């Protein structure tokens, strides 16, 4: 089925783990086009991204030289230090910060065009900017949102998945779980005992509207351990990494490029990543972040994706049963 066969008449199925319910809101899209250019974290090259308004029901997807790849957990592959989408020869890396901003700010339908100077290169990456999602949030605020309409001019109700029963995943001392809750509540813990300046941190909030995200989550930057930088570069990673796009902490010297934007900035950035990774659960303009109390400890992109897959596969025969190709 084509990406463009998503419909205003899509039917969402409930299972014993998930119930799809209306949010009381209409699907939205951008009120205009956004274009941003910046350096990438892992490739170390310049990348340009254009965000385009899209019809209701189309959801979020990437466009690499007219090759389309859905922002879907079905296409997410495990990769070091980022979330990557792969479909045939198309690979889109480091999608989590952009998708986090789109999900949290209510951009339900969007075409994300990524351009590189090499016409034969289909391995692309989203710019890292300062290591947070603030650049995308600012751009979305500047252009604004509008109600998304389908090809017939009709608006579509936005749906969200409510978790009915606990879903839990444990892996090597880390865990992530989703518990039934009447609203979104995220609790996240990290533990770096070898780095005293970070050590153990917890962040918890049940206030996840777009204003809270913009003020309390979006500006939290990615972080790395100074003593691990050489190892990561030898592995071909973070070629474009530097003090300008991450906060760097040494096990012996503490923070190398203070000040922090929040005392618990590393933990808040994990929440930013979680929202971006769980946005891949979205279908056809629905909400990606499930209505649940999500608790994570020592998590990462792979564990976040595991939760999204578990929620997705809990639906018999998938989340969407039927489409109207018109």
Protein backbone atom coordinates (compact mmCIF):
# COMPACT_ATOMS: atom_id res chain seq x y z
CA UNK A 1 0.00 0.00 0.00
CA UNK A 2 1.34 3.42 -0.95
CA UNK A 3 2.22 6.02 1.64
CA UNK A 4 -0.30 8.30 -0.04
CA UNK A 5 -3.19 5.90 0.47
CA UNK A 6 -3.53 6.92 4.11
CA UNK A 7 -7.09 8.04 4.64
CA UNK A 8 -9.45 10.22 6.56
CA UNK A 9 -11.40 6.98 6.94
CA UNK A 10 -8.60 5.00 8.59
CA UNK A 11 -9.95 2.64 11.24
CA UNK A 12 -7.89 2.08 14.36
CA UNK A 13 -8.18 -1.22 16.17
CA UNK A 14 -8.08 -1.76 19.91
CA UNK A 15 -6.43 -4.68 21.66
CA UNK A 16 -6.28 -5.72 25.29
CA UNK A 17 -3.10 -3.60 25.60
CA UNK A 18 -4.12 -0.54 23.53
CA UNK A 19 -7.30 1.44 22.92
CA UNK A 20 -7.40 4.17 20.30
CA UNK A 21 -9.52 7.14 21.34
CA UNK A 22 -10.15 10.64 19.99
CA UNK A 23 -8.01 13.37 21.56
CA UNK A 24 -10.64 16.06 21.05
CA UNK A 25 -8.28 17.81 18.65
CA UNK A 26 -8.02 18.00 14.88
CA UNK A 27 -4.91 16.89 13.02
CA UNK A 28 -2.52 19.74 12.28
CA UNK A 29 0.25 20.59 9.85
CA UNK A 30 2.65 23.47 9.29
CA UNK A 31 1.21 26.77 8.09
CA UNK A 32 4.21 27.22 5.77
CA UNK A 33 7.55 25.76 4.71
CA UNK A 34 10.61 25.61 6.99
CA UNK A 35 14.17 25.29 5.66
CA UNK A 36 17.23 24.82 7.87
CA UNK A 37 20.85 23.92 7.07
CA UNK A 38 23.45 22.65 9.50
CA UNK A 39 26.27 20.24 10.22
CA UNK A 40 25.49 16.60 10.97
CA UNK A 41 26.76 14.78 14.03
CA UNK A 42 27.97 11.45 12.70
CA UNK A 43 28.72 12.11 9.02
CA UNK A 44 30.26 15.49 9.79
CA UNK A 45 28.80 17.01 6.61
CA UNK A 46 26.35 19.80 5.86
CA UNK A 47 22.70 18.82 5.40
CA UNK A 48 19.64 20.87 4.42
CA UNK A 49 16.15 19.96 5.63
CA UNK A 50 12.88 21.37 4.32
CA UNK A 51 9.66 20.79 6.23
CA UNK A 52 6.53 21.01 4.09
CA UNK A 53 2.83 21.18 5.05
CA UNK A 54 1.01 17.91 4.32
CA UNK A 55 -2.56 16.67 3.96
CA UNK A 56 -4.43 15.17 6.89
CA UNK A 57 -3.93 11.44 7.21
CA UNK A 58 -0.52 11.40 5.55
CA UNK A 59 1.45 11.51 8.80
CA UNK A 60 5.16 12.34 8.92
CA UNK A 61 7.60 10.98 6.36
CA UNK A 62 10.99 11.70 4.83
CA UNK A 63 11.64 12.51 1.19
CA UNK A 64 15.13 11.79 -0.15
CA UNK A 65 15.21 12.72 -3.85
CA UNK A 66 11.57 11.67 -4.27
CA UNK A 67 12.18 8.39 -2.42
CA UNK A 68 9.76 8.28 0.50
CA UNK A 69 10.33 6.67 3.86
CA UNK A 70 7.72 6.78 6.62
CA UNK A 71 8.64 7.95 10.13
CA UNK A 72 7.53 4.55 11.41
CA UNK A 73 8.80 2.11 14.00
CA UNK A 74 8.52 -0.56 11.28
CA UNK A 75 11.52 1.03 9.55
CA UNK A 76 13.62 1.92 12.60
CA UNK A 77 16.91 0.06 12.87
CA UNK A 78 19.34 -0.12 15.77
CA UNK A 79 22.34 2.13 15.20
CA UNK A 80 24.94 3.59 17.58
CA UNK A 81 24.00 6.81 19.38
CA UNK A 82 21.00 7.72 17.21
CA UNK A 83 17.77 6.51 15.64
CA UNK A 84 17.96 5.52 11.98
CA UNK A 85 15.22 4.77 9.44
CA UNK A 86 16.08 2.38 6.61
CA UNK A 87 13.98 1.43 3.59
CA UNK A 88 15.63 -0.29 0.63
CA UNK A 89 18.62 1.92 -0.28
CA UNK A 90 17.39 4.93 1.71
CA UNK A 91 18.93 5.58 5.14
CA UNK A 92 17.97 8.58 7.28
CA UNK A 93 20.01 9.03 10.45
CA UNK A 94 19.65 11.07 13.65
CA UNK A 95 15.92 11.68 13.23
CA UNK A 96 15.05 11.77 16.93
CA UNK A 97 15.43 15.49 17.76
CA UNK A 98 13.42 16.67 14.76
CA UNK A 99 10.69 14.08 15.29
CA UNK A 100 10.58 14.93 19.00
CA UNK A 101 9.88 18.57 18.17
CA UNK A 102 7.24 17.71 15.55
CA UNK A 103 5.46 15.29 17.88
CA UNK A 104 5.51 17.57 20.92
CA UNK A 105 4.54 20.73 19.03
CA UNK A 106 1.59 19.01 17.31
CA UNK A 107 2.82 18.76 13.71
CA UNK A 108 0.94 15.57 12.87
CA UNK A 109 1.40 15.63 9.09
CA UNK A 110 4.63 16.74 7.45
CA UNK A 111 6.85 15.99 4.48
CA UNK A 112 10.49 16.15 5.55
CA UNK A 113 12.76 16.70 2.56
CA UNK A 114 16.50 16.13 3.10
CA UNK A 115 19.02 17.32 0.54
CA UNK A 116 22.73 16.60 0.09
CA UNK A 117 25.15 17.84 -2.54
CA UNK A 118 26.01 14.32 -3.73
CA UNK A 119 23.16 13.18 -6.03
CA UNK A 120 24.15 9.52 -5.68
CA UNK A 121 24.18 9.48 -1.88
CA UNK A 122 21.00 8.13 -0.29
CA UNK A 123 22.51 7.93 3.21
CA UNK A 124 21.39 11.22 4.77
CA UNK A 125 21.37 12.72 8.23
CA UNK A 126 19.38 15.43 10.01
CA UNK A 127 21.52 18.37 11.23
CA UNK A 128 22.49 18.33 14.90
CA UNK A 129 22.55 22.13 15.50
CA UNK A 130 23.32 22.69 19.22
CA UNK A 131 22.44 19.10 20.19
CA UNK A 132 18.89 19.94 21.29
CA UNK A 133 15.51 20.36 19.60
CA UNK A 134 15.25 24.12 20.26
CA UNK A 135 16.13 25.12 16.68
CA UNK A 136 13.18 23.09 15.36
CA UNK A 137 10.79 24.38 18.02
CA UNK A 138 11.73 27.98 17.21
CA UNK A 139 11.17 27.35 13.50
CA UNK A 140 7.77 25.75 14.11
CA UNK A 141 6.75 28.68 16.31
CA UNK A 142 7.79 31.14 13.61
CA UNK A 143 5.81 29.54 10.78
CA UNK A 144 2.86 28.42 12.91
CA UNK A 145 0.37 25.58 12.54
CA UNK A 146 -2.94 25.12 10.76
CA UNK A 147 -5.66 22.47 10.69
CA UNK A 148 -4.68 19.76 8.22
CA UNK A 149 -7.28 18.85 5.60
CA UNK A 150 -7.46 15.87 3.31
CA UNK A 151 -7.77 15.89 -0.49
CA UNK A 152 -11.50 16.53 -0.17
CA UNK A 153 -11.00 19.48 2.14
CA UNK A 154 -12.14 17.66 5.26
CA UNK A 155 -10.46 17.90 8.64
CA UNK A 156 -9.60 14.71 10.56
CA UNK A 157 -9.88 13.94 14.24
CA UNK A 158 -6.60 13.19 15.95
CA UNK A 159 -6.43 9.80 17.68
CA UNK A 160 -4.21 8.64 20.53
CA UNK A 161 -3.35 5.21 21.92
CA UNK A 162 -4.29 4.60 25.56
CA UNK A 163 -2.34 1.86 27.32
CA UNK A 164 -4.74 -0.57 29.04
CA UNK A 165 -2.27 -2.97 30.62
CA UNK A 166 1.36 -2.59 31.70
CA UNK A 167 4.03 -3.22 29.07
CA UNK A 168 7.56 -3.78 30.40
CA UNK A 169 10.94 -4.43 28.78
CA UNK A 170 14.16 -5.26 30.67
CA UNK A 171 17.60 -5.44 29.09
CA UNK A 172 21.04 -5.59 30.74
CA UNK A 173 20.09 -3.68 33.87
CA UNK A 174 17.97 -1.16 31.98
CA UNK A 175 14.20 -1.07 31.69
CA UNK A 176 11.32 0.80 30.16
CA UNK A 177 7.64 0.37 30.97
CA UNK A 178 4.29 1.90 30.07
CA UNK A 179 1.52 1.83 32.69
CA UNK A 180 -2.15 2.81 32.31
CA UNK A 181 -2.68 6.50 33.08
CA UNK A 182 -5.37 9.07 32.23
CA UNK A 183 -2.70 11.40 30.84
CA UNK A 184 0.90 11.37 29.62
CA UNK A 185 3.38 11.11 32.49
CA UNK A 186 7.07 10.46 31.90
CA UNK A 187 9.57 9.43 34.58
CA UNK A 188 13.18 8.92 33.50
CA UNK A 189 16.29 7.94 35.40
CA UNK A 190 19.95 7.80 34.34
CA UNK A 191 23.00 6.53 36.22
CA UNK A 192 26.64 7.19 35.38
CA UNK A 193 28.52 6.21 38.56
CA UNK A 194 31.86 6.56 36.77
CA UNK A 195 31.11 10.26 36.13
CA UNK A 196 30.41 11.99 39.46
CA UNK A 197 29.20 15.22 37.84
CA UNK A 198 26.31 13.27 36.29
CA UNK A 199 25.91 10.32 38.68
CA UNK A 200 22.23 9.41 39.23
CA UNK A 201 19.48 11.74 38.02
CA UNK A 202 15.70 11.46 37.82
CA UNK A 203 13.21 13.62 35.98
CA UNK A 204 9.43 13.27 36.17
CA UNK A 205 6.56 15.33 34.82
CA UNK A 206 2.92 14.93 33.83
CA UNK A 207 2.75 18.32 32.06
CA UNK A 208 3.50 17.54 28.44
CA UNK A 209 1.73 20.19 26.39
CA UNK A 210 3.67 22.05 23.70
CA UNK A 211 4.44 25.02 25.96
CA UNK A 212 5.98 22.81 28.65
CA UNK A 213 8.00 20.93 26.06
CA UNK A 214 9.28 24.16 24.49
CA UNK A 215 10.35 25.62 27.84
CA UNK A 216 11.50 22.58 29.81
CA UNK A 217 12.59 19.86 27.38
CA UNK A 218 13.45 21.16 23.90
CA UNK A 219 16.63 23.04 24.86
CA UNK A 220 18.22 20.10 26.72
CA UNK A 221 21.34 19.15 24.76
CA UNK A 222 22.80 15.75 24.04
CA UNK A 223 25.73 14.81 26.23
CA UNK A 224 28.80 12.61 26.04
CA UNK A 225 31.60 11.37 28.30
CA UNK A 226 34.94 12.99 27.44
CA UNK A 227 36.92 9.79 28.03
CA UNK A 228 34.78 7.95 25.44
CA UNK A 229 35.13 10.48 22.60
CA UNK A 230 38.23 8.93 21.00
CA UNK A 231 36.67 5.47 21.06
CA UNK A 232 33.53 6.76 19.33
CA UNK A 233 35.53 8.57 16.66
CA UNK A 234 37.63 5.48 16.01
CA UNK A 235 34.33 3.67 15.40
CA UNK A 236 33.46 6.20 12.69
CA UNK A 237 30.96 8.11 14.83
CA UNK A 238 30.56 11.77 15.87
CA UNK A 239 32.76 13.06 13.03
CA UNK A 240 30.91 16.37 13.34
CA UNK A 241 30.75 16.35 17.14
CA UNK A 242 32.18 19.18 19.22
CA UNK A 243 31.68 21.46 22.18
CA UNK A 244 29.18 23.51 20.16
CA UNK A 245 26.69 20.65 19.68
CA UNK A 246 26.91 18.66 22.91
CA UNK A 247 27.64 19.07 26.58
CA UNK A 248 30.79 17.12 27.44
CA UNK A 249 31.57 15.72 30.87
CA UNK A 250 34.85 14.25 32.10
CA UNK A 251 34.98 11.57 34.76
CA UNK A 252 37.78 13.45 36.53
CA UNK A 253 37.32 17.11 35.56
CA UNK A 254 33.54 17.45 35.44
CA UNK A 255 31.74 19.51 32.79
CA UNK A 256 34.10 20.73 30.06
CA UNK A 257 31.78 23.36 28.54
CA UNK A 258 29.49 24.79 31.23
CA UNK A 259 27.07 26.24 32.10
CA UNK A 260 24.28 23.69 31.90
CA UNK A 261 20.82 24.90 30.90
CA UNK A 262 19.27 22.76 33.65
CA UNK A 263 20.85 21.00 36.63
CA UNK A 264 19.45 17.74 35.22
CA UNK A 265 20.01 18.58 31.54
CA UNK A 266 21.32 15.08 30.63
CA UNK A 267 18.20 13.44 32.05
CA UNK A 268 15.90 15.93 30.31
CA UNK A 269 17.64 15.20 27.02
CA UNK A 270 16.81 11.52 27.48
CA UNK A 271 13.14 12.55 27.73
CA UNK A 272 13.56 14.56 24.51
CA UNK A 273 14.97 11.47 22.78
CA UNK A 274 12.20 9.27 24.19
CA UNK A 275 9.49 11.51 22.73
CA UNK A 276 11.19 11.46 19.33
CA UNK A 277 11.60 7.69 19.33
CA UNK A 278 8.04 7.00 20.48
CA UNK A 279 6.74 9.38 17.80
CA UNK A 280 7.51 6.51 15.41
CA UNK A 281 4.44 4.74 16.85
CA UNK A 282 2.23 7.31 15.05
CA UNK A 283 0.15 6.31 12.03
CA UNK A 284 -1.72 8.48 9.54
CA UNK A 285 -1.57 11.66 11.57
CA UNK A 286 -2.36 10.05 14.92
CA UNK A 287 -0.49 10.92 18.10
CA UNK A 288 2.70 8.92 18.48
CA UNK A 289 3.26 9.36 22.21
CA UNK A 290 0.89 6.94 23.96
CA UNK A 291 -1.34 8.03 26.84
CA UNK A 292 0.45 6.24 29.65
CA UNK A 293 2.85 6.68 32.53
CA UNK A 294 6.15 5.81 30.88
CA UNK A 295 8.98 4.92 33.25
CA UNK A 296 12.52 4.38 31.96
CA UNK A 297 15.84 3.74 33.66
CA UNK A 298 19.22 3.77 31.93
CA UNK A 299 17.45 3.68 28.60
CA UNK A 300 18.52 4.66 25.12
CA UNK A 301 17.29 4.72 21.53
CA UNK A 302 17.23 0.93 21.20
CA UNK A 303 15.14 0.47 24.36
CA UNK A 304 12.78 3.28 23.36
CA UNK A 305 12.27 1.62 19.98
CA UNK A 306 11.64 -1.73 21.68
CA UNK A 307 8.74 -0.18 23.60
CA UNK A 308 7.29 1.35 20.43
CA UNK A 309 7.54 -2.04 18.69
CA UNK A 310 5.95 -3.82 21.63
CA UNK A 311 3.02 -1.41 21.59
CA UNK A 312 2.72 -1.73 17.82
CA UNK A 313 2.84 -5.52 17.72
CA UNK A 314 0.30 -5.78 20.55
CA UNK A 315 -2.31 -4.75 17.98
CA UNK A 316 -3.66 -7.73 16.07
CA UNK A 317 -2.83 -7.38 12.39
CA UNK A 318 -1.38 -3.91 12.98
CA UNK A 319 -2.93 -0.66 14.16
CA UNK A 320 -4.73 0.31 10.96
CA UNK A 321 -7.29 -2.04 9.54
CA UNK A 322 -8.60 -0.28 6.49
CA UNK A 323 -7.93 2.65 4.18
CA UNK A 324 -9.98 4.61 1.73
CA UNK A 325 -7.54 5.20 -1.17
CA UNK A 326 -9.50 8.27 -2.18
